[in-house]
Amino acid sequence: DSKTSPDFDIPMNNAEKQMYDLTVIKN
């Protein structure tokens, strides 16, 4: 299922979310 997500989450503030997006690495 392509909609499954990793079983962990990395907390990030808004400024950090704009600097990087680790979705590909999580996948």
mmCIF file of all heavy atoms, coordinates in Angstrom:
data_MODEL
# 
_entry.id   MODEL 
# 
loop_
_atom_site.group_PDB 
_atom_site.id 
_atom_site.type_symbol 
_atom_site.label_atom_id 
_atom_site.label_alt_id 
_atom_site.label_comp_id 
_atom_site.label_asym_id 
_atom_site.label_entity_id 
_atom_site.label_seq_id 
_atom_site.pdbx_PDB_ins_code 
_atom_site.Cartn_x 
_atom_site.Cartn_y 
_atom_site.Cartn_z 
_atom_site.occupancy 
_atom_site.B_iso_or_equiv 
_atom_site.pdbx_formal_charge 
_atom_site.auth_seq_id 
_atom_site.auth_comp_id 
_atom_site.auth_asym_id 
_atom_site.auth_atom_id 
_atom_site.pdbx_PDB_model_num 
ATOM 1   N N   . ASP A 1 1  ? 0.845  -1.188 0.000  1.00 0.00 ? 1  ASP A N   1 
ATOM 2   C CA  . ASP A 1 1  ? 0.000  0.000  0.000  1.00 0.00 ? 1  ASP A CA  1 
ATOM 3   C C   . ASP A 1 1  ? 0.880  1.236  0.000  1.00 0.00 ? 1  ASP A C   1 
ATOM 4   O O   . ASP A 1 1  ? 1.686  1.437  0.896  1.00 0.00 ? 1  ASP A O   1 
ATOM 5   C CB  . ASP A 1 1  ? -0.892 -0.010 1.242  1.00 0.00 ? 1  ASP A CB  1 
ATOM 6   C CG  . ASP A 1 1  ? -1.833 1.177  1.301  1.00 0.00 ? 1  ASP A CG  1 
ATOM 7   O OD1 . ASP A 1 1  ? -1.909 1.937  0.315  1.00 0.00 ? 1  ASP A OD1 1 
ATOM 8   O OD2 . ASP A 1 1  ? -2.496 1.334  2.340  1.00 0.00 ? 1  ASP A OD2 1 
ATOM 9   N N   . SER A 1 2  ? 0.734  2.081  -0.999 1.00 0.00 ? 2  SER A N   1 
ATOM 10  C CA  . SER A 1 2  ? 1.571  3.282  -1.114 1.00 0.00 ? 2  SER A CA  1 
ATOM 11  C C   . SER A 1 2  ? 1.198  4.348  -0.101 1.00 0.00 ? 2  SER A C   1 
ATOM 12  O O   . SER A 1 2  ? 1.891  5.336  0.043  1.00 0.00 ? 2  SER A O   1 
ATOM 13  C CB  . SER A 1 2  ? 1.481  3.854  -2.533 1.00 0.00 ? 2  SER A CB  1 
ATOM 14  O OG  . SER A 1 2  ? 0.164  4.270  -2.784 1.00 0.00 ? 2  SER A OG  1 
ATOM 15  N N   . LYS A 1 3  ? 0.092  4.140  0.606  1.00 0.00 ? 3  LYS A N   1 
ATOM 16  C CA  . LYS A 1 3  ? -0.331 5.160  1.565  1.00 0.00 ? 3  LYS A CA  1 
ATOM 17  C C   . LYS A 1 3  ? 0.184  4.881  2.979  1.00 0.00 ? 3  LYS A C   1 
ATOM 18  O O   . LYS A 1 3  ? -0.041 5.666  3.878  1.00 0.00 ? 3  LYS A O   1 
ATOM 19  C CB  . LYS A 1 3  ? -1.857 5.253  1.571  1.00 0.00 ? 3  LYS A CB  1 
ATOM 20  C CG  . LYS A 1 3  ? -2.383 5.804  0.271  1.00 0.00 ? 3  LYS A CG  1 
ATOM 21  C CD  . LYS A 1 3  ? -3.874 5.944  0.279  1.00 0.00 ? 3  LYS A CD  1 
ATOM 22  C CE  . LYS A 1 3  ? -4.270 6.629  -1.006 1.00 0.00 ? 3  LYS A CE  1 
ATOM 23  N NZ  . LYS A 1 3  ? -5.374 6.176  -1.661 1.00 0.00 ? 3  LYS A NZ  1 
ATOM 24  N N   . THR A 1 4  ? 0.880  3.772  3.141  1.00 0.00 ? 4  THR A N   1 
ATOM 25  C CA  . THR A 1 4  ? 1.401  3.492  4.473  1.00 0.00 ? 4  THR A CA  1 
ATOM 26  C C   . THR A 1 4  ? 2.513  4.475  4.783  1.00 0.00 ? 4  THR A C   1 
ATOM 27  O O   . THR A 1 4  ? 3.255  4.893  3.913  1.00 0.00 ? 4  THR A O   1 
ATOM 28  C CB  . THR A 1 4  ? 1.942  2.055  4.574  1.00 0.00 ? 4  THR A CB  1 
ATOM 29  O OG1 . THR A 1 4  ? 2.955  1.885  3.611  1.00 0.00 ? 4  THR A OG1 1 
ATOM 30  C CG2 . THR A 1 4  ? 0.842  1.034  4.404  1.00 0.00 ? 4  THR A CG2 1 
ATOM 31  N N   . SER A 1 5  ? 2.619  4.829  6.047  1.00 0.00 ? 5  SER A N   1 
ATOM 32  C CA  . SER A 1 5  ? 3.639  5.789  6.447  1.00 0.00 ? 5  SER A CA  1 
ATOM 33  C C   . SER A 1 5  ? 4.533  5.171  7.500  1.00 0.00 ? 5  SER A C   1 
ATOM 34  O O   . SER A 1 5  ? 4.168  4.189  8.130  1.00 0.00 ? 5  SER A O   1 
ATOM 35  C CB  . SER A 1 5  ? 2.985  7.062  6.981  1.00 0.00 ? 5  SER A CB  1 
ATOM 36  O OG  . SER A 1 5  ? 2.201  6.752  8.093  1.00 0.00 ? 5  SER A OG  1 
ATOM 37  N N   . PRO A 1 6  ? 5.714  5.748  7.695  1.00 0.00 ? 6  PRO A N   1 
ATOM 38  C CA  . PRO A 1 6  ? 6.624  5.216  8.693  1.00 0.00 ? 6  PRO A CA  1 
ATOM 39  C C   . PRO A 1 6  ? 5.989  5.223  10.075 1.00 0.00 ? 6  PRO A C   1 
ATOM 40  O O   . PRO A 1 6  ? 5.098  6.013  10.347 1.00 0.00 ? 6  PRO A O   1 
ATOM 41  C CB  . PRO A 1 6  ? 7.809  6.185  8.640  1.00 0.00 ? 6  PRO A CB  1 
ATOM 42  C CG  . PRO A 1 6  ? 7.671  6.937  7.372  1.00 0.00 ? 6  PRO A CG  1 
ATOM 43  C CD  . PRO A 1 6  ? 6.231  6.911  7.016  1.00 0.00 ? 6  PRO A CD  1 
ATOM 44  N N   . ASP A 1 7  ? 6.497  4.340  10.951 1.00 0.00 ? 7  ASP A N   1 
ATOM 45  C CA  . ASP A 1 7  ? 5.936  4.259  12.291 1.00 0.00 ? 7  ASP A CA  1 
ATOM 46  C C   . ASP A 1 7  ? 6.620  5.203  13.271 1.00 0.00 ? 7  ASP A C   1 
ATOM 47  O O   . ASP A 1 7  ? 6.575  5.001  14.469 1.00 0.00 ? 7  ASP A O   1 
ATOM 48  C CB  . ASP A 1 7  ? 6.003  2.818  12.805 1.00 0.00 ? 7  ASP A CB  1 
ATOM 49  C CG  . ASP A 1 7  ? 7.429  2.312  12.904 1.00 0.00 ? 7  ASP A CG  1 
ATOM 50  O OD1 . ASP A 1 7  ? 8.363  3.046  12.541 1.00 0.00 ? 7  ASP A OD1 1 
ATOM 51  O OD2 . ASP A 1 7  ? 7.596  1.165  13.359 1.00 0.00 ? 7  ASP A OD2 1 
ATOM 52  N N   . PHE A 1 8  ? 7.251  6.227  12.779 1.00 0.00 ? 8  PHE A N   1 
ATOM 53  C CA  . PHE A 1 8  ? 7.849  7.237  13.644 1.00 0.00 ? 8  PHE A CA  1 
ATOM 54  C C   . PHE A 1 8  ? 7.645  8.599  13.019 1.00 0.00 ? 8  PHE A C   1 
ATOM 55  O O   . PHE A 1 8  ? 7.412  8.719  11.820 1.00 0.00 ? 8  PHE A O   1 
ATOM 56  C CB  . PHE A 1 8  ? 9.350  6.971  13.868 1.00 0.00 ? 8  PHE A CB  1 
ATOM 57  C CG  . PHE A 1 8  ? 10.183 7.096  12.627 1.00 0.00 ? 8  PHE A CG  1 
ATOM 58  C CD1 . PHE A 1 8  ? 10.816 8.283  12.318 1.00 0.00 ? 8  PHE A CD1 1 
ATOM 59  C CD2 . PHE A 1 8  ? 10.331 6.026  11.759 1.00 0.00 ? 8  PHE A CD2 1 
ATOM 60  C CE1 . PHE A 1 8  ? 11.588 8.402  11.169 1.00 0.00 ? 8  PHE A CE1 1 
ATOM 61  C CE2 . PHE A 1 8  ? 11.097 6.143  10.613 1.00 0.00 ? 8  PHE A CE2 1 
ATOM 62  C CZ  . PHE A 1 8  ? 11.732 7.336  10.320 1.00 0.00 ? 8  PHE A CZ  1 
ATOM 63  N N   . ASP A 1 9  ? 7.710  9.605  13.833 1.00 0.00 ? 9  ASP A N   1 
ATOM 64  C CA  . ASP A 1 9  ? 7.541  10.967 13.336 1.00 0.00 ? 9  ASP A CA  1 
ATOM 65  C C   . ASP A 1 9  ? 8.654  11.822 13.903 1.00 0.00 ? 9  ASP A C   1 
ATOM 66  O O   . ASP A 1 9  ? 9.032  11.671 15.055 1.00 0.00 ? 9  ASP A O   1 
ATOM 67  C CB  . ASP A 1 9  ? 6.178  11.517 13.752 1.00 0.00 ? 9  ASP A CB  1 
ATOM 68  C CG  . ASP A 1 9  ? 5.825  12.786 13.013 1.00 0.00 ? 9  ASP A CG  1 
ATOM 69  O OD1 . ASP A 1 9  ? 6.288  12.945 11.864 1.00 0.00 ? 9  ASP A OD1 1 
ATOM 70  O OD2 . ASP A 1 9  ? 5.098  13.615 13.579 1.00 0.00 ? 9  ASP A OD2 1 
ATOM 71  N N   . ILE A 1 10 ? 9.173  12.712 13.076 1.00 0.00 ? 10 ILE A N   1 
ATOM 72  C CA  . ILE A 1 10 ? 10.226 13.622 13.491 1.00 0.00 ? 10 ILE A CA  1 
ATOM 73  C C   . ILE A 1 10 ? 9.597  14.999 13.679 1.00 0.00 ? 10 ILE A C   1 
ATOM 74  O O   . ILE A 1 10 ? 9.110  15.583 12.719 1.00 0.00 ? 10 ILE A O   1 
ATOM 75  C CB  . ILE A 1 10 ? 11.349 13.701 12.428 1.00 0.00 ? 10 ILE A CB  1 
ATOM 76  C CG1 . ILE A 1 10 ? 11.907 12.304 12.115 1.00 0.00 ? 10 ILE A CG1 1 
ATOM 77  C CG2 . ILE A 1 10 ? 12.433 14.654 12.861 1.00 0.00 ? 10 ILE A CG2 1 
ATOM 78  C CD1 . ILE A 1 10 ? 12.544 11.601 13.287 1.00 0.00 ? 10 ILE A CD1 1 
ATOM 79  N N   . PRO A 1 11 ? 9.596  15.508 14.906 1.00 0.00 ? 11 PRO A N   1 
ATOM 80  C CA  . PRO A 1 11 ? 8.984  16.827 15.118 1.00 0.00 ? 11 PRO A CA  1 
ATOM 81  C C   . PRO A 1 11 ? 9.820  17.930 14.475 1.00 0.00 ? 11 PRO A C   1 
ATOM 82  O O   . PRO A 1 11 ? 11.037 17.939 14.571 1.00 0.00 ? 11 PRO A O   1 
ATOM 83  C CB  . PRO A 1 11 ? 8.981  16.962 16.644 1.00 0.00 ? 11 PRO A CB  1 
ATOM 84  C CG  . PRO A 1 11 ? 10.053 16.051 17.115 1.00 0.00 ? 11 PRO A CG  1 
ATOM 85  C CD  . PRO A 1 11 ? 10.157 14.947 16.118 1.00 0.00 ? 11 PRO A CD  1 
ATOM 86  N N   . MET A 1 12 ? 9.156  18.844 13.787 1.00 0.00 ? 12 MET A N   1 
ATOM 87  C CA  . MET A 1 12 ? 9.842  19.963 13.158 1.00 0.00 ? 12 MET A CA  1 
ATOM 88  C C   . MET A 1 12 ? 8.977  21.204 13.302 1.00 0.00 ? 12 MET A C   1 
ATOM 89  O O   . MET A 1 12 ? 7.759  21.118 13.226 1.00 0.00 ? 12 MET A O   1 
ATOM 90  C CB  . MET A 1 12 ? 10.056 19.700 11.657 1.00 0.00 ? 12 MET A CB  1 
ATOM 91  C CG  . MET A 1 12 ? 11.068 18.634 11.348 1.00 0.00 ? 12 MET A CG  1 
ATOM 92  S SD  . MET A 1 12 ? 11.333 18.487 9.575  1.00 0.00 ? 12 MET A SD  1 
ATOM 93  C CE  . MET A 1 12 ? 9.926  17.530 9.086  1.00 0.00 ? 12 MET A CE  1 
ATOM 94  N N   . ASN A 1 13 ? 9.627  22.354 13.482 1.00 0.00 ? 13 ASN A N   1 
ATOM 95  C CA  . ASN A 1 13 ? 8.860  23.593 13.495 1.00 0.00 ? 13 ASN A CA  1 
ATOM 96  C C   . ASN A 1 13 ? 8.664  24.064 12.050 1.00 0.00 ? 13 ASN A C   1 
ATOM 97  O O   . ASN A 1 13 ? 9.213  23.495 11.118 1.00 0.00 ? 13 ASN A O   1 
ATOM 98  C CB  . ASN A 1 13 ? 9.536  24.645 14.392 1.00 0.00 ? 13 ASN A CB  1 
ATOM 99  C CG  . ASN A 1 13 ? 10.885 25.075 13.873 1.00 0.00 ? 13 ASN A CG  1 
ATOM 100 O OD1 . ASN A 1 13 ? 11.090 25.216 12.678 1.00 0.00 ? 13 ASN A OD1 1 
ATOM 101 N ND2 . ASN A 1 13 ? 11.827 25.290 14.782 1.00 0.00 ? 13 ASN A ND2 1 
ATOM 102 N N   . ASN A 1 14 ? 7.876  25.110 11.839 1.00 0.00 ? 14 ASN A N   1 
ATOM 103 C CA  . ASN A 1 14 ? 7.531  25.560 10.482 1.00 0.00 ? 14 ASN A CA  1 
ATOM 104 C C   . ASN A 1 14 ? 8.740  25.993 9.666  1.00 0.00 ? 14 ASN A C   1 
ATOM 105 O O   . ASN A 1 14 ? 8.818  25.711 8.479  1.00 0.00 ? 14 ASN A O   1 
ATOM 106 C CB  . ASN A 1 14 ? 6.497  26.687 10.542 1.00 0.00 ? 14 ASN A CB  1 
ATOM 107 C CG  . ASN A 1 14 ? 5.126  26.171 10.919 1.00 0.00 ? 14 ASN A CG  1 
ATOM 108 O OD1 . ASN A 1 14 ? 4.830  24.996 10.729 1.00 0.00 ? 14 ASN A OD1 1 
ATOM 109 N ND2 . ASN A 1 14 ? 4.289  27.028 11.467 1.00 0.00 ? 14 ASN A ND2 1 
ATOM 110 N N   . ALA A 1 15 ? 9.692  26.702 10.285 1.00 0.00 ? 15 ALA A N   1 
ATOM 111 C CA  . ALA A 1 15 ? 10.876 27.148 9.550  1.00 0.00 ? 15 ALA A CA  1 
ATOM 112 C C   . ALA A 1 15 ? 11.670 25.950 9.058  1.00 0.00 ? 15 ALA A C   1 
ATOM 113 O O   . ALA A 1 15 ? 12.160 25.934 7.926  1.00 0.00 ? 15 ALA A O   1 
ATOM 114 C CB  . ALA A 1 15 ? 11.750 28.042 10.429 1.00 0.00 ? 15 ALA A CB  1 
ATOM 115 N N   . GLU A 1 16 ? 11.782 24.916 9.895  1.00 0.00 ? 16 GLU A N   1 
ATOM 116 C CA  . GLU A 1 16 ? 12.519 23.723 9.493  1.00 0.00 ? 16 GLU A CA  1 
ATOM 117 C C   . GLU A 1 16 ? 11.788 22.973 8.394  1.00 0.00 ? 16 GLU A C   1 
ATOM 118 O O   . GLU A 1 16 ? 12.401 22.422 7.489  1.00 0.00 ? 16 GLU A O   1 
ATOM 119 C CB  . GLU A 1 16 ? 12.744 22.820 10.707 1.00 0.00 ? 16 GLU A CB  1 
ATOM 120 C CG  . GLU A 1 16 ? 13.773 23.421 11.648 1.00 0.00 ? 16 GLU A CG  1 
ATOM 121 C CD  . GLU A 1 16 ? 13.650 22.912 13.068 1.00 0.00 ? 16 GLU A CD  1 
ATOM 122 O OE1 . GLU A 1 16 ? 12.607 22.297 13.402 1.00 0.00 ? 16 GLU A OE1 1 
ATOM 123 O OE2 . GLU A 1 16 ? 14.593 23.138 13.830 1.00 0.00 ? 16 GLU A OE2 1 
ATOM 124 N N   . LYS A 1 17 ? 10.467 22.938 8.442  1.00 0.00 ? 17 LYS A N   1 
ATOM 125 C CA  . LYS A 1 17 ? 9.702  22.274 7.398  1.00 0.00 ? 17 LYS A CA  1 
ATOM 126 C C   . LYS A 1 17 ? 9.951  22.933 6.043  1.00 0.00 ? 17 LYS A C   1 
ATOM 127 O O   . LYS A 1 17 ? 9.902  22.275 5.019  1.00 0.00 ? 17 LYS A O   1 
ATOM 128 C CB  . LYS A 1 17 ? 8.212  22.282 7.737  1.00 0.00 ? 17 LYS A CB  1 
ATOM 129 C CG  . LYS A 1 17 ? 7.852  21.304 8.827  1.00 0.00 ? 17 LYS A CG  1 
ATOM 130 C CD  . LYS A 1 17 ? 6.378  21.357 9.134  1.00 0.00 ? 17 LYS A CD  1 
ATOM 131 C CE  . LYS A 1 17 ? 6.058  20.425 10.290 1.00 0.00 ? 17 LYS A CE  1 
ATOM 132 N NZ  . LYS A 1 17 ? 4.667  20.497 10.698 1.00 0.00 ? 17 LYS A NZ  1 
ATOM 133 N N   . GLN A 1 18 ? 10.221 24.216 6.053  1.00 0.00 ? 18 GLN A N   1 
ATOM 134 C CA  . GLN A 1 18 ? 10.486 24.912 4.802  1.00 0.00 ? 18 GLN A CA  1 
ATOM 135 C C   . GLN A 1 18 ? 11.902 24.632 4.298  1.00 0.00 ? 18 GLN A C   1 
ATOM 136 O O   . GLN A 1 18 ? 12.163 24.754 3.118  1.00 0.00 ? 18 GLN A O   1 
ATOM 137 C CB  . GLN A 1 18 ? 10.290 26.414 4.982  1.00 0.00 ? 18 GLN A CB  1 
ATOM 138 C CG  . GLN A 1 18 ? 8.848  26.778 5.230  1.00 0.00 ? 18 GLN A CG  1 
ATOM 139 C CD  . GLN A 1 18 ? 8.660  28.248 5.549  1.00 0.00 ? 18 GLN A CD  1 
ATOM 140 O OE1 . GLN A 1 18 ? 9.606  29.002 5.686  1.00 0.00 ? 18 GLN A OE1 1 
ATOM 141 N NE2 . GLN A 1 18 ? 7.413  28.656 5.680  1.00 0.00 ? 18 GLN A NE2 1 
ATOM 142 N N   . MET A 1 19 ? 12.826 24.253 5.182  1.00 0.00 ? 19 MET A N   1 
ATOM 143 C CA  . MET A 1 19 ? 14.207 23.987 4.778  1.00 0.00 ? 19 MET A CA  1 
ATOM 144 C C   . MET A 1 19 ? 14.368 22.605 4.167  1.00 0.00 ? 19 MET A C   1 
ATOM 145 O O   . MET A 1 19 ? 15.208 22.401 3.318  1.00 0.00 ? 19 MET A O   1 
ATOM 146 C CB  . MET A 1 19 ? 15.162 24.117 5.969  1.00 0.00 ? 19 MET A CB  1 
ATOM 147 C CG  . MET A 1 19 ? 15.354 25.534 6.435  1.00 0.00 ? 19 MET A CG  1 
ATOM 148 S SD  . MET A 1 19 ? 16.738 25.725 7.580  1.00 0.00 ? 19 MET A SD  1 
ATOM 149 C CE  . MET A 1 19 ? 16.230 24.738 8.979  1.00 0.00 ? 19 MET A CE  1 
ATOM 150 N N   . TYR A 1 20 ? 13.593 21.640 4.638  1.00 0.00 ? 20 TYR A N   1 
ATOM 151 C CA  . TYR A 1 20 ? 13.713 20.282 4.132  1.00 0.00 ? 20 TYR A CA  1 
ATOM 152 C C   . TYR A 1 20 ? 12.411 19.510 4.322  1.00 0.00 ? 20 TYR A C   1 
ATOM 153 O O   . TYR A 1 20 ? 11.571 19.876 5.131  1.00 0.00 ? 20 TYR A O   1 
ATOM 154 C CB  . TYR A 1 20 ? 14.876 19.527 4.788  1.00 0.00 ? 20 TYR A CB  1 
ATOM 155 C CG  . TYR A 1 20 ? 14.870 19.537 6.303  1.00 0.00 ? 20 TYR A CG  1 
ATOM 156 C CD1 . TYR A 1 20 ? 14.104 18.635 7.036  1.00 0.00 ? 20 TYR A CD1 1 
ATOM 157 C CD2 . TYR A 1 20 ? 15.655 20.438 7.009  1.00 0.00 ? 20 TYR A CD2 1 
ATOM 158 C CE1 . TYR A 1 20 ? 14.110 18.634 8.420  1.00 0.00 ? 20 TYR A CE1 1 
ATOM 159 C CE2 . TYR A 1 20 ? 15.676 20.449 8.402  1.00 0.00 ? 20 TYR A CE2 1 
ATOM 160 C CZ  . TYR A 1 20 ? 14.901 19.541 9.098  1.00 0.00 ? 20 TYR A CZ  1 
ATOM 161 O OH  . TYR A 1 20 ? 14.914 19.541 10.466 1.00 0.00 ? 20 TYR A OH  1 
ATOM 162 N N   . ASP A 1 21 ? 12.279 18.450 3.547  1.00 0.00 ? 21 ASP A N   1 
ATOM 163 C CA  . ASP A 1 21 ? 11.132 17.559 3.645  1.00 0.00 ? 21 ASP A CA  1 
ATOM 164 C C   . ASP A 1 21 ? 11.681 16.140 3.549  1.00 0.00 ? 21 ASP A C   1 
ATOM 165 O O   . ASP A 1 21 ? 12.162 15.726 2.496  1.00 0.00 ? 21 ASP A O   1 
ATOM 166 C CB  . ASP A 1 21 ? 10.148 17.837 2.510  1.00 0.00 ? 21 ASP A CB  1 
ATOM 167 C CG  . ASP A 1 21 ? 8.958  16.890 2.507  1.00 0.00 ? 21 ASP A CG  1 
ATOM 168 O OD1 . ASP A 1 21 ? 8.877  16.011 3.391  1.00 0.00 ? 21 ASP A OD1 1 
ATOM 169 O OD2 . ASP A 1 21 ? 8.115  17.022 1.606  1.00 0.00 ? 21 ASP A OD2 1 
ATOM 170 N N   . LEU A 1 22 ? 11.621 15.409 4.623  1.00 0.00 ? 22 LEU A N   1 
ATOM 171 C CA  . LEU A 1 22 ? 12.254 14.091 4.704  1.00 0.00 ? 22 LEU A CA  1 
ATOM 172 C C   . LEU A 1 22 ? 11.330 12.942 4.301  1.00 0.00 ? 22 LEU A C   1 
ATOM 173 O O   . LEU A 1 22 ? 11.628 11.783 4.568  1.00 0.00 ? 22 LEU A O   1 
ATOM 174 C CB  . LEU A 1 22 ? 12.795 13.885 6.118  1.00 0.00 ? 22 LEU A CB  1 
ATOM 175 C CG  . LEU A 1 22 ? 13.805 14.953 6.562  1.00 0.00 ? 22 LEU A CG  1 
ATOM 176 C CD1 . LEU A 1 22 ? 14.191 14.748 8.010  1.00 0.00 ? 22 LEU A CD1 1 
ATOM 177 C CD2 . LEU A 1 22 ? 15.020 14.967 5.664  1.00 0.00 ? 22 LEU A CD2 1 
ATOM 178 N N   . THR A 1 23 ? 10.256 13.254 3.610  1.00 0.00 ? 23 THR A N   1 
ATOM 179 C CA  . THR A 1 23 ? 9.288  12.239 3.201  1.00 0.00 ? 23 THR A CA  1 
ATOM 180 C C   . THR A 1 23 ? 9.932  11.147 2.354  1.00 0.00 ? 23 THR A C   1 
ATOM 181 O O   . THR A 1 23 ? 9.672  9.956  2.566  1.00 0.00 ? 23 THR A O   1 
ATOM 182 C CB  . THR A 1 23 ? 8.122  12.888 2.425  1.00 0.00 ? 23 THR A CB  1 
ATOM 183 O OG1 . THR A 1 23 ? 7.535  13.886 3.246  1.00 0.00 ? 23 THR A OG1 1 
ATOM 184 C CG2 . THR A 1 23 ? 7.085  11.863 2.018  1.00 0.00 ? 23 THR A CG2 1 
ATOM 185 N N   . VAL A 1 24 ? 10.764 11.507 1.390  1.00 0.00 ? 24 VAL A N   1 
ATOM 186 C CA  . VAL A 1 24 ? 11.396 10.517 0.516  1.00 0.00 ? 24 VAL A CA  1 
ATOM 187 C C   . VAL A 1 24 ? 12.278 9.585  1.341  1.00 0.00 ? 24 VAL A C   1 
ATOM 188 O O   . VAL A 1 24 ? 12.231 8.361  1.175  1.00 0.00 ? 24 VAL A O   1 
ATOM 189 C CB  . VAL A 1 24 ? 12.207 11.196 -0.611 1.00 0.00 ? 24 VAL A CB  1 
ATOM 190 C CG1 . VAL A 1 24 ? 13.028 10.179 -1.404 1.00 0.00 ? 24 VAL A CG1 1 
ATOM 191 C CG2 . VAL A 1 24 ? 11.277 11.964 -1.549 1.00 0.00 ? 24 VAL A CG2 1 
ATOM 192 N N   . ILE A 1 25 ? 13.068 10.147 2.254  1.00 0.00 ? 25 ILE A N   1 
ATOM 193 C CA  . ILE A 1 25 ? 13.946 9.329  3.093  1.00 0.00 ? 25 ILE A CA  1 
ATOM 194 C C   . ILE A 1 25 ? 13.111 8.410  3.988  1.00 0.00 ? 25 ILE A C   1 
ATOM 195 O O   . ILE A 1 25 ? 13.437 7.238  4.164  1.00 0.00 ? 25 ILE A O   1 
ATOM 196 C CB  . ILE A 1 25 ? 14.882 10.219 3.942  1.00 0.00 ? 25 ILE A CB  1 
ATOM 197 C CG1 . ILE A 1 25 ? 15.768 11.088 3.050  1.00 0.00 ? 25 ILE A CG1 1 
ATOM 198 C CG2 . ILE A 1 25 ? 15.732 9.379  4.887  1.00 0.00 ? 25 ILE A CG2 1 
ATOM 199 C CD1 . ILE A 1 25 ? 16.680 10.330 2.122  1.00 0.00 ? 25 ILE A CD1 1 
ATOM 200 N N   . LYS A 1 26 ? 12.012 8.921  4.525  1.00 0.00 ? 26 LYS A N   1 
ATOM 201 C CA  . LYS A 1 26 ? 11.131 8.084  5.350  1.00 0.00 ? 26 LYS A CA  1 
ATOM 202 C C   . LYS A 1 26 ? 10.560 6.931  4.524  1.00 0.00 ? 26 LYS A C   1 
ATOM 203 O O   . LYS A 1 26 ? 10.466 5.798  5.000  1.00 0.00 ? 26 LYS A O   1 
ATOM 204 C CB  . LYS A 1 26 ? 9.991  8.908  5.945  1.00 0.00 ? 26 LYS A CB  1 
ATOM 205 C CG  . LYS A 1 26 ? 10.431 9.819  7.071  1.00 0.00 ? 26 LYS A CG  1 
ATOM 206 C CD  . LYS A 1 26 ? 9.238  10.599 7.607  1.00 0.00 ? 26 LYS A CD  1 
ATOM 207 C CE  . LYS A 1 26 ? 9.640  11.555 8.701  1.00 0.00 ? 26 LYS A CE  1 
ATOM 208 N NZ  . LYS A 1 26 ? 8.495  12.327 9.207  1.00 0.00 ? 26 LYS A NZ  1 
ATOM 209 N N   . ASN A 1 27 ? 10.192 7.209  3.281  1.00 0.00 ? 27 ASN A N   1 
ATOM 210 C CA  . ASN A 1 27 ? 9.650  6.162  2.416  1.00 0.00 ? 27 ASN A CA  1 
ATOM 211 C C   . ASN A 1 27 ? 10.705 5.118  2.066  1.00 0.00 ? 27 ASN A C   1 
ATOM 212 O O   . ASN A 1 27 ? 10.426 3.928  2.035  1.00 0.00 ? 27 ASN A O   1 
ATOM 213 C CB  . ASN A 1 27 ? 9.043  6.749  1.148  1.00 0.00 ? 27 ASN A CB  1 
ATOM 214 C CG  . ASN A 1 27 ? 7.725  7.441  1.400  1.00 0.00 ? 27 ASN A CG  1 
ATOM 215 O OD1 . ASN A 1 27 ? 6.995  7.090  2.319  1.00 0.00 ? 27 ASN A OD1 1 
ATOM 216 N ND2 . ASN A 1 27 ? 7.416  8.437  0.600  1.00 0.00 ? 27 ASN A ND2 1 
# 
